[in-house]
Amino acid sequence: MTIYLRCVLSKLLHVSKLSIWE
């Protein structure tokens, strides 16, 4: 479960980073 949450968090972070760059 923790690994899954980590994956989701990482994805969200990546998306937010892309949003900031846009």
N, C-alpha and C. Protein backbone atom coordinates (compact mmCIF):
# COMPACT_ATOMS: atom_id res chain seq x y z
N MET A 1 0.84 -1.20 0.00
CA MET A 1 0.00 0.00 0.00
C MET A 1 0.88 1.25 0.00
N THR A 2 1.92 1.25 0.80
CA THR A 2 2.80 2.42 0.88
C THR A 2 3.47 2.67 -0.48
N ILE A 3 3.87 1.59 -1.12
CA ILE A 3 4.52 1.72 -2.43
C ILE A 3 3.55 2.37 -3.41
N TYR A 4 2.30 1.94 -3.36
CA TYR A 4 1.28 2.49 -4.27
C TYR A 4 1.11 3.99 -4.03
N LEU A 5 1.01 4.34 -2.76
CA LEU A 5 0.86 5.76 -2.41
C LEU A 5 2.06 6.56 -2.90
N ARG A 6 3.22 5.97 -2.76
CA ARG A 6 4.46 6.66 -3.17
C ARG A 6 4.40 6.88 -4.67
N CYS A 7 3.96 5.88 -5.40
CA CYS A 7 3.87 5.99 -6.86
C CYS A 7 2.91 7.12 -7.24
N VAL A 8 1.78 7.14 -6.58
CA VAL A 8 0.77 8.18 -6.87
C VAL A 8 1.34 9.56 -6.54
N LEU A 9 1.98 9.66 -5.40
CA LEU A 9 2.55 10.95 -5.00
C LEU A 9 3.60 11.41 -6.01
N SER A 10 4.41 10.49 -6.44
CA SER A 10 5.45 10.81 -7.42
C SER A 10 4.81 11.31 -8.72
N LYS A 11 3.76 10.65 -9.12
CA LYS A 11 3.08 11.03 -10.36
C LYS A 11 2.48 12.42 -10.22
N LEU A 12 1.84 12.66 -9.08
CA LEU A 12 1.23 13.97 -8.85
C LEU A 12 2.30 15.06 -8.87
N LEU A 13 3.41 14.76 -8.24
CA LEU A 13 4.51 15.73 -8.20
C LEU A 13 4.99 16.02 -9.62
N HIS A 14 5.15 14.99 -10.39
CA HIS A 14 5.61 15.14 -11.77
C HIS A 14 4.63 16.00 -12.57
N VAL A 15 3.36 15.72 -12.41
CA VAL A 15 2.31 16.46 -13.13
C VAL A 15 2.34 17.93 -12.69
N SER A 16 2.44 18.16 -11.41
CA SER A 16 2.46 19.54 -10.90
C SER A 16 3.68 20.28 -11.44
N LYS A 17 4.80 19.57 -11.54
CA LYS A 17 6.02 20.18 -12.07
C LYS A 17 5.79 20.61 -13.51
N LEU A 18 5.16 19.73 -14.28
CA LEU A 18 4.88 20.05 -15.69
C LEU A 18 3.93 21.24 -15.76
N SER A 19 2.96 21.28 -14.87
CA SER A 19 2.00 22.39 -14.85
C SER A 19 2.72 23.70 -14.59
N ILE A 20 3.68 23.67 -13.68
CA ILE A 20 4.43 24.89 -13.34
C ILE A 20 5.24 25.35 -14.54
N TRP A 21 5.81 24.38 -15.25
CA TRP A 21 6.64 24.73 -16.41
C TRP A 21 5.79 25.30 -17.54
N GLU A 22 4.56 24.83 -17.65
CA GLU A 22 3.70 25.25 -18.75
C GLU A 22 3.40 26.74 -18.71
